[in-house]
């Protein structure tokens, strides 16, 4: 089994263009659900990292198991440009497109981290349905989202930081854990595990490990 601490250091070493970039990468290595994704997704086969940003989760998954072939997308071309510089000779393809432009439906696993709350409420279910369509029968989904709740850390971190990052825009379209779960089940997923962040963690996020029924 890969050592998570070693994997995080290897990912950090891929982002070296500036001290600020390296510091930001260290922060993301602490915040992102890397082990949940690595353990919840197949160790081999075709994986989609949806809304990959700068490619942190993508690189972690690739280094955790080189048998994975990973397609990673994000509509922000500047983020994809940074991610592309980290690939080397590994089996990763970064695409500057919306995930709905990816027509293939043969993924063995899909990872969606902190993406859905950027999507209008009315469109979230359709996006989850599209994720379901993209997976093979028996395929795995690891998805993390903010769990809306009445807690100081929810208002201080999830809400306040989203407001600061996206001033003048609406991006914090959060839901309660049960609401997210019902949406995944409505799409057809079987939820195998739900892992909330521990009480000491600043964000009130939770990670779902789901399976598409079938072979």
Protein backbone atom coordinates (compact mmCIF):
# COMPACT_ATOMS: atom_id res chain seq x y z
CA UNK A 1 0.00 0.00 0.00
CA UNK A 2 1.34 3.45 -0.94
CA UNK A 3 2.45 5.74 1.88
CA UNK A 4 0.06 8.75 1.84
CA UNK A 5 2.70 11.07 3.30
CA UNK A 6 5.19 10.14 0.60
CA UNK A 7 2.55 10.57 -2.10
CA UNK A 8 1.67 14.03 -0.83
CA UNK A 9 5.35 15.05 -0.90
CA UNK A 10 5.66 13.75 -4.46
CA UNK A 11 2.65 15.79 -5.54
CA UNK A 12 4.06 18.92 -3.86
CA UNK A 13 7.31 18.42 -5.78
CA UNK A 14 5.38 18.72 -9.05
CA UNK A 15 4.37 22.32 -8.30
CA UNK A 16 7.58 24.30 -8.01
CA UNK A 17 7.18 27.40 -10.17
CA UNK A 18 7.11 29.64 -7.08
CA UNK A 19 7.23 29.50 -3.29
CA UNK A 20 3.58 30.62 -3.22
CA UNK A 21 2.52 27.78 -5.51
CA UNK A 22 4.36 25.26 -3.37
CA UNK A 23 2.76 26.65 -0.20
CA UNK A 24 -0.70 26.53 -1.77
CA UNK A 25 -0.09 22.93 -2.86
CA UNK A 26 0.89 21.96 0.68
CA UNK A 27 -2.37 23.47 1.93
CA UNK A 28 -4.39 21.55 -0.66
CA UNK A 29 -2.65 18.30 0.30
CA UNK A 30 -4.04 18.79 3.79
CA UNK A 31 -7.55 19.85 2.72
CA UNK A 32 -8.37 17.45 -0.13
CA UNK A 33 -9.82 13.94 0.48
CA UNK A 34 -6.88 12.23 -1.20
CA UNK A 35 -6.90 8.92 0.65
CA UNK A 36 -10.67 8.60 0.34
CA UNK A 37 -10.36 9.03 -3.42
CA UNK A 38 -7.40 6.65 -3.74
CA UNK A 39 -9.11 3.94 -1.69
CA UNK A 40 -12.59 4.39 -3.14
CA UNK A 41 -11.63 4.29 -6.82
CA UNK A 42 -10.34 1.31 -8.82
CA UNK A 43 -6.56 0.86 -8.79
CA UNK A 44 -6.55 0.29 -12.53
CA UNK A 45 -8.71 1.31 -15.47
CA UNK A 46 -10.02 4.60 -16.83
CA UNK A 47 -10.68 7.34 -14.26
CA UNK A 48 -12.27 10.78 -14.71
CA UNK A 49 -11.28 13.58 -12.32
CA UNK A 50 -14.12 16.01 -12.93
CA UNK A 51 -13.48 19.68 -12.22
CA UNK A 52 -9.83 18.92 -11.48
CA UNK A 53 -8.59 22.49 -11.05
CA UNK A 54 -4.79 22.48 -10.95
CA UNK A 55 -4.68 18.68 -10.95
CA UNK A 56 -3.81 17.89 -7.33
CA UNK A 57 -6.18 14.94 -6.94
CA UNK A 58 -5.34 13.74 -10.46
CA UNK A 59 -1.64 13.58 -9.69
CA UNK A 60 -2.20 11.89 -6.35
CA UNK A 61 -4.36 9.19 -7.95
CA UNK A 62 -1.79 8.64 -10.71
CA UNK A 63 1.14 8.35 -8.31
CA UNK A 64 -0.89 6.07 -6.02
CA UNK A 65 -1.44 3.61 -8.88
CA UNK A 66 0.30 3.98 -12.28
CA UNK A 67 -2.17 1.39 -13.65
CA UNK A 68 -4.81 4.12 -13.71
CA UNK A 69 -5.38 6.01 -16.96
CA UNK A 70 -6.75 9.40 -15.95
CA UNK A 71 -8.69 11.99 -17.90
CA UNK A 72 -9.07 15.22 -15.93
CA UNK A 73 -11.13 18.22 -16.97
CA UNK A 74 -11.76 21.75 -15.86
CA UNK A 75 -13.39 24.60 -17.80
CA UNK A 76 -10.72 27.05 -16.56
CA UNK A 77 -7.97 26.98 -19.20
CA UNK A 78 -5.44 28.74 -16.94
CA UNK A 79 -5.73 26.00 -14.32
CA UNK A 80 -5.40 23.27 -16.93
CA UNK A 81 -2.27 24.97 -18.29
CA UNK A 82 -0.67 24.67 -14.84
CA UNK A 83 -1.81 21.05 -14.49
CA UNK A 84 -0.41 20.07 -17.89
CA UNK A 85 3.10 21.06 -16.80
CA UNK A 86 3.01 18.35 -14.10
CA UNK A 87 2.22 15.31 -16.28
CA UNK A 88 5.69 14.10 -17.30
CA UNK A 89 5.46 10.63 -18.88
CA UNK A 90 2.47 9.47 -16.85
CA UNK A 91 -0.86 8.37 -18.37
CA UNK A 92 -2.81 11.58 -17.69
CA UNK A 93 -4.75 13.78 -20.10
CA UNK A 94 -5.86 17.24 -18.94
CA UNK A 95 -8.73 18.84 -20.89
CA UNK A 96 -9.91 22.46 -20.70
CA UNK A 97 -13.59 21.59 -21.19
CA UNK A 98 -16.83 21.28 -19.27
CA UNK A 99 -17.39 17.67 -18.19
CA UNK A 100 -20.65 17.58 -20.13
CA UNK A 101 -18.60 17.87 -23.33
CA UNK A 102 -16.99 14.49 -22.57
CA UNK A 103 -19.24 12.05 -24.39
CA UNK A 104 -17.63 8.74 -23.47
CA UNK A 105 -19.39 6.39 -21.08
CA UNK A 106 -16.68 3.83 -20.28
CA UNK A 107 -15.12 5.16 -17.08
CA UNK A 108 -14.26 2.67 -14.35
CA UNK A 109 -14.23 5.43 -11.74
CA UNK A 110 -15.06 9.12 -11.39
CA UNK A 111 -13.87 11.60 -8.78
CA UNK A 112 -15.77 14.85 -8.14
CA UNK A 113 -14.29 17.04 -5.40
CA UNK A 114 -15.92 20.35 -4.35
CA UNK A 115 -17.56 20.89 -7.74
CA UNK A 116 -21.33 20.60 -7.38
CA UNK A 117 -21.79 23.67 -5.19
CA UNK A 118 -20.51 25.79 -8.09
CA UNK A 119 -23.44 24.53 -10.20
CA UNK A 120 -26.89 26.22 -9.97
CA UNK A 121 -29.29 24.26 -7.78
CA UNK A 122 -31.59 23.57 -10.74
CA UNK A 123 -28.75 21.93 -12.70
CA UNK A 124 -27.13 19.81 -9.98
CA UNK A 125 -29.28 16.72 -10.46
CA UNK A 126 -28.71 16.74 -14.22
CA UNK A 127 -24.95 16.88 -13.64
CA UNK A 128 -25.10 13.92 -11.24
CA UNK A 129 -27.21 12.02 -13.80
CA UNK A 130 -24.50 12.73 -16.40
CA UNK A 131 -21.83 11.37 -14.05
CA UNK A 132 -23.92 8.20 -13.67
CA UNK A 133 -24.16 7.83 -17.47
CA UNK A 134 -20.40 8.17 -17.88
CA UNK A 135 -19.64 5.21 -15.58
CA UNK A 136 -19.56 1.58 -16.61
CA UNK A 137 -21.91 -0.77 -14.70
CA UNK A 138 -20.13 -1.49 -11.43
CA UNK A 139 -18.15 1.74 -11.74
CA UNK A 140 -17.19 3.73 -8.65
CA UNK A 141 -17.81 7.35 -7.74
CA UNK A 142 -16.02 9.32 -5.02
CA UNK A 143 -17.65 12.70 -4.49
CA UNK A 144 -17.05 15.33 -1.82
CA UNK A 145 -19.33 18.24 -1.06
CA UNK A 146 -20.07 20.76 1.64
CA UNK A 147 -22.63 19.60 4.19
CA UNK A 148 -24.82 22.56 5.04
CA UNK A 149 -25.33 22.76 8.78
CA UNK A 150 -25.80 25.21 11.64
CA UNK A 151 -22.21 25.37 12.91
CA UNK A 152 -19.63 28.11 13.46
CA UNK A 153 -17.08 26.45 11.18
CA UNK A 154 -19.65 26.19 8.37
CA UNK A 155 -20.32 29.94 8.43
CA UNK A 156 -16.69 30.91 9.16
CA UNK A 157 -15.02 28.76 6.53
CA UNK A 158 -17.38 27.30 3.94
CA UNK A 159 -19.62 30.36 3.56
CA UNK A 160 -17.19 33.19 4.32
CA UNK A 161 -14.31 31.86 2.21
CA UNK A 162 -16.57 31.15 -0.76
CA UNK A 163 -17.88 34.71 -0.51
CA UNK A 164 -14.32 36.13 -0.45
CA UNK A 165 -13.14 33.98 -3.34
CA UNK A 166 -16.13 34.76 -5.53
CA UNK A 167 -17.16 38.31 -4.60
CA UNK A 168 -20.12 39.38 -6.69
CA UNK A 169 -20.91 35.81 -7.79
CA UNK A 170 -23.04 33.02 -6.34
CA UNK A 171 -21.01 29.86 -5.84
CA UNK A 172 -21.98 28.51 -2.42
CA UNK A 173 -24.93 26.34 -3.43
CA UNK A 174 -24.60 23.92 -0.53
CA UNK A 175 -26.99 21.20 0.65
CA UNK A 176 -27.42 19.09 3.76
CA UNK A 177 -25.79 15.64 3.76
CA UNK A 178 -29.16 13.90 3.39
CA UNK A 179 -30.08 16.07 0.41
CA UNK A 180 -26.86 15.19 -1.41
CA UNK A 181 -27.43 11.52 -0.64
CA UNK A 182 -30.97 11.56 -2.03
CA UNK A 183 -29.74 13.17 -5.25
CA UNK A 184 -27.07 10.49 -5.75
CA UNK A 185 -29.60 7.75 -5.06
CA UNK A 186 -32.11 9.35 -7.42
CA UNK A 187 -29.48 9.15 -10.18
CA UNK A 188 -29.22 5.40 -9.49
CA UNK A 189 -26.13 5.19 -7.29
CA UNK A 190 -25.76 2.87 -4.31
CA UNK A 191 -24.06 4.78 -1.50
CA UNK A 192 -21.53 2.53 0.19
CA UNK A 193 -19.91 4.95 2.61
CA UNK A 194 -20.31 8.54 3.83
CA UNK A 195 -17.36 10.07 5.68
CA UNK A 196 -17.84 13.48 7.34
CA UNK A 197 -14.81 15.58 8.16
CA UNK A 198 -13.75 15.30 11.82
CA UNK A 199 -14.90 18.01 14.28
CA UNK A 200 -11.46 19.66 14.33
CA UNK A 201 -11.44 20.15 10.53
CA UNK A 202 -12.39 23.71 9.49
CA UNK A 203 -14.79 22.72 6.71
CA UNK A 204 -18.10 20.87 7.11
CA UNK A 205 -17.60 18.67 4.07
CA UNK A 206 -18.39 14.99 3.64
CA UNK A 207 -17.16 12.36 1.19
CA UNK A 208 -19.45 9.84 -0.47
CA UNK A 209 -18.22 6.57 -1.96
CA UNK A 210 -20.83 5.29 -4.41
CA UNK A 211 -21.26 2.47 -6.91
CA UNK A 212 -23.23 2.19 -10.12
CA UNK A 213 -25.14 -1.11 -9.93
CA UNK A 214 -24.17 -3.79 -12.41
CA UNK A 215 -21.33 -6.12 -13.30
